[in-house]
Every structure is written in C-alpha cells, then in structure tokens.
Amino acid sequence: MSRPAARSPASLGAGARRAPPPSTAWSPNTIVNAVKRMASRDEREMLPLIDAGRASSFDDRTDRPVPSPASLRKRLEIRQPKPKKKDGRFGLYAQYFAVGVVYGGLLQTMYGFFLGYLNVDAYAYAAATTVVALPWSFKFVFGAINDVCPINGERRRPYIALGWAFCAIALWFLTMMPLPEPYWCIDDQSGRYITTARHRHDGVKVAAEPCNSNAPLAGGPFALAMMVASFGYCVSDVAADGLTVQLAKKEVEERRGQTQTSVYLVRTIGNIFAVAFVGLGMNSREYNGSFNRGLSFSWVMGAFALLATAMVPISLLFVKEPSLSVQPLSTTDATPNLRARISRRVTCEQYRKSVWQLLRSKAMFYCVCYQFLTPVIGAVYTTASPEVKQHWAHVRSLQNSLFSLVGLVVFSCGLWLVKKRLLHRSWRELTLVTTIFLNVIDMPFSFCTIYDIVRDPYFYLGETVLQGIPDAVNFVVSTFVIVEMAEGGDEGIVYGLLTTTYNVGGPFASAISNQLFGLFEPKLSDPKNYVEDRPTFRNTVALSFVVTYAAAFLSLLTLPLLPRQKAQVQQWKRDWPRKDAYAWASLTILVVGLVYSCALNVLAVLPSTMCLEVVGGEGC
C-alpha cells in the first residue's frame, strides 16, 4: 500500500484554511458576546473561553507571540465611557476668588484711608470696619430667598449675577465720590503728615493742629457706601455657599470637607491678590505709606468696580446648577422636610414649616449658641490696637499690606493642612489648641510695643504671620459644623442661618468693645494720647490688652456646645429632642444680636451721632 505524500507545514496551514469551519465559529463578535455574558463570573471561568480560539495557521501559532490572558481580557473588555458632567466648579471658584478680592480689598483700604487720610478715632474706625462687613449678618435672609424664590427655575445662579450687578453699581458710585482734604497738614519737603508740633519742657510731645478737623466726619458716608457694595457681593456669596454645601454633601464621609477648604482656599488667594494690589497701589504718603505717588482711593474703587462688573457675565455663563421644575407641590404633601423637594418649587408656608422644624432641634440650638457666643466673648477687642499699630509701631500701609499678604499665605497653608491632615481630628481639640496658641504668641509683640521695649513695625507685625494657621483651623471648623447640619434642599438657609449667627456675634462684640473700652481714662480712641505717649497712658493701654486676652480665653467655655466630629453631629440630629422652646430661643438670640449690633455700629459712623457715649464717643 502506497504511503501518502508528506505535506509541508505551509500546506497543512493552507489545508486548515480550506477546511470547513467547526460547528462553533469563534468570530470576533462571538467572542465579544461571550465576554459580555461571562463578565460577572470568575476570571478563571472566562479566560479559557477567550483562549479557545484556534490559530489561523501553524505559522501564526509559532511566529506571533501568544498574548497573555490578562492582555486579552483587557483588549476585549467592553468599556462604557462615562460622560463628564460639568458641575460648574470653574464658575464657583471664580465667585470665591472675586469675593476674596472685593471683600479683602475693601477692608485693606480702610487702614490707610480712614486712619491715615481721615484720621478717624479708634472706636469710629472699629465701627466702620464692622459696618462694611455688616451685610454678612443678614446671610440667613439671603439664603431663605435663594431657597424659596427661584428665578427661571434656578435658585443660585440668578442671585449670584444680581448680587454682582448691585455690587458693581455701589463701587462705581464710590469711585465718583469726591474726597475731602486730609486731616493733617502735609510737610512740603518730606511729603509726610505733620502730626507733632513741638516737645514740652518735660519731654512730652504735643500733637500738631490739623488742617481739616472735619475730615473724620466724612468717614461715615464712605463706610455706608462700602457697606452697600458689601451687600451686593454678600448676596452672591450666599448663593455660592448654597452650591458649595450641595457639592459637599455629595462627598463620602471620609473626604467630606475638601470642597469647603478648596473654595475658601480660592477665596484666600483672592484676598492675597487684593492685599498686594492695595498695598502697592495705595502706598503713597497721604495714605500713611512710603511712596511719593500712588493710586488714590477712588482709583482703587474703580478697579474693584471693573472686577464686579465682569463677574456678572461670568456668573451667567459658567455657574451651573440643576434647574427646578415649576409645578407646585401636591396639597397632600405636608412633610416639613425639604429633602424630597429639592427639585420642586417650595412655597413660603412650606419653607416656614421646614425652617421651624430645623430650629426646633436641640442640635441646631447648640450650634446657634456656639456660633453666637464664641465671637461675642472672644472677639471683644481693645480699641487701642489700630492706634498702637499706627503711632507706636509706626506701621505704614505697605508694611501692613505685605504682612497681611504673608499672613494670608500662611492662612492658605493652614487650609491645606486641615484638608490633608486634620479632617478627622476632634473639632473641640483643634479649637482649644489654636485659641490658646493664637493669644499666647500675640502677648509679647503687644506688650513690648506698648512699653517701648521694641517699637519696630516688622516686630509688631510678626504675630500676623504666626496667627495664620490657627485662624484657618478655627475658620474651617465652623464651616464643617454648618455642612453637617444641612439637609437636602435647605442648604441656603442652614448656611445662612449659622454663618449669620456667627457674623452677628462679631458686630455685637464690636459694640460691646466700644462701650467697654470707652470707659477707660485717658481715652483709648484719642490719637493725641498716643502722640504724647505718657507712662500712665501706657498702663491704660496694657490693661485694655489684658482684658482682650482674658475674653479670648473665656470664650473656650463654649466648647461643650461644639460637636466633636461629623459622627456626633449626625447623632445629635438623630437622637436629640425637638421643642418649640429651642426655636424661640434661637430666634431671640438672632434678633436681639442683629438689632443691637446694627444700631450701635451704624450710630458710631454717622457724623451726627458718632460722638455719643453709648457708642464709645466723648459725648455730644
């Protein structure tokens, strides 16, 4: 029997190609479908099926590298690309940057303009800085309007744009306001103010006669106009805060807090920009600076007005938020919780019930008390501080701005430190350590300057840098409590209510400070006492600083009102009772604080009432 002729490997491969396909055809589509069906099974069950396909020829099997099972699985894996959802973070960050610029810039101009150019009394300067920030005390009203009255189905973006438009109008008005002549006369040779006329026979300096004694009275209208501008950007900030809380609530508990620290880091960067701009621009000698020339107060306000104007289209184009449907709620829906209504329009009556239910919580009452009492006690601060800085430490506008700039950088580092390392540390522990550290490091700088041991601007401003990290920790801790207290749909009112409570505490403490330190003799607010610099007056100033530090340490008694961490906040909300008494007590604290602080601080800047003893003046 003849033996069949041998075939080469190539012919074998050709025959294999001409052979009919087996019953199971492993085409690429079949393999893909098999992988889809077996995707939920174990890897060992799926990979043999993938590797069961035969080579197309003997040469292919020997010449080409055999792919590994892992590479085959990765190659055949069906990936569904997730569409990137634009949450408007660029627009949100732009809001906080602009708020940081305008908010920080307005306050930064007040040192050179109010103390240097107008030479207002110390208590009037403290009241003016408080009045400029007074709109922050009404954040709960702005938050309620955001939540209840959507515009075109949106609760945040329209109010952000409207707020910036209002702010821009007020800043343009400030730009066009005529400036009065400065208080002190100007030396023709040096270009500096003439503050000292001569020395008496006992070595005591005598204050010079002013060229415009009515200049301090002009500070009130400027402060009120700046307050109106603050009202505009505060409306925008409250709406942005609502978006921030919505984004923060979507984070997992381990990472919750990063959104707040990120946006406030951006706001701090805006502050840094404003401080650098004002420090270099308004550093002429007429604003207590060191340059021969510089930008005037009006030009600086014009620059801020341009930024506020630009924020209107930026807000409309880049801020994103979910739209609300406009259909009304069913009449049978009587649930006071807003969580189920986040995508529907809520009536004022429904919102009132929700807010009342929120205020009835004992946990909310504790948070309100902490947010109010901590600044009321701890923010009682001597009115001598700005005069010590100007007359005894000889701090110029550029030096003040530069150290504020460095302090803001350190503050940013503090925010980063909280974000990366301190999110899970006890809030009470952080507040205790930072408050003690903050005041202890401030003492040597203050007392060495008061008693003329070291009177150097760089020495006196050193504590500004050291306080950056403790300030950041205290600030962020207060925002963490707010986020944990918020529920779905009521972010604006919770953020507005608790931050308003905290912001009311500051003006309340300012009013108490003006009244308390107005009783000291000789007067702490009279610049002439600092020019004469008598030893008895130094003791009076030192005593006022001792009272300030004692108040700061006394504020630590409010720590039991602060939850330890996120988990305890949720436990308080879940387990603690709800009573109408808690709601009435919270509202009483808020209303009394608002009326008292607004009345006294506004009276302290009005030309006709700033002399009243009740606001810290010498009497009319």
Foldseek 3Di string as FASTA:
>chain_A
DDDDDDDDQVVVLVVLLVDDDDPDDDDVVNLLVLCVVCVPPDLVVNQVVNVVDDDSGPCCVPPDDDDDSVVSCVVSDDDDDDDDDAQLVVLLLLLLLLCLQLVLLVLLLLLLCQCQFLNAFLLLSLLLNLLLQLLLLQLLVLLVCLLFPADQQHRFLVQLLQLLVQLLVLLLVLLPDDADGGFFDADPPQRAGQQWDDADPVRFTFGDHTPCNCSNQVQLVSSNSSSSSSNSSSSNVLSSLLSLLVVLVPDDPVQRLLSVLVSVLSNLVSSLVSLQCCLQAVQDNSSQHRDVDHHDPSVSSVVSSVSSVVSNVSSVPRRDDDGADEDDDDPVDQDLDCQVVQRYRDHPVSPVSVVLQLLLAPLVLLLLCLLQLLLLLQVQAASLVSLLLCQQLVDGSNNVSVLLSLLSVLLSVLSVCCSPPVQPFWLLVLLVVLLVVLLVVLVVLVLCSLVVVDRHNVSNSPSSNVSNNSVNSNVSLSVQLLSLSDHHSSSSNSVSLSSSSNSLNNLSSSLVNLLVQLPQPPRSRDSRCSSRSDPVVSVSVVVSVVSSSVSSVVSSVSSVSRGGHSVVSVVSRPPTDGDSVSSVVSVVSSVVSSVVSVVLSSLCSNSVRVQPSSNNHPHD
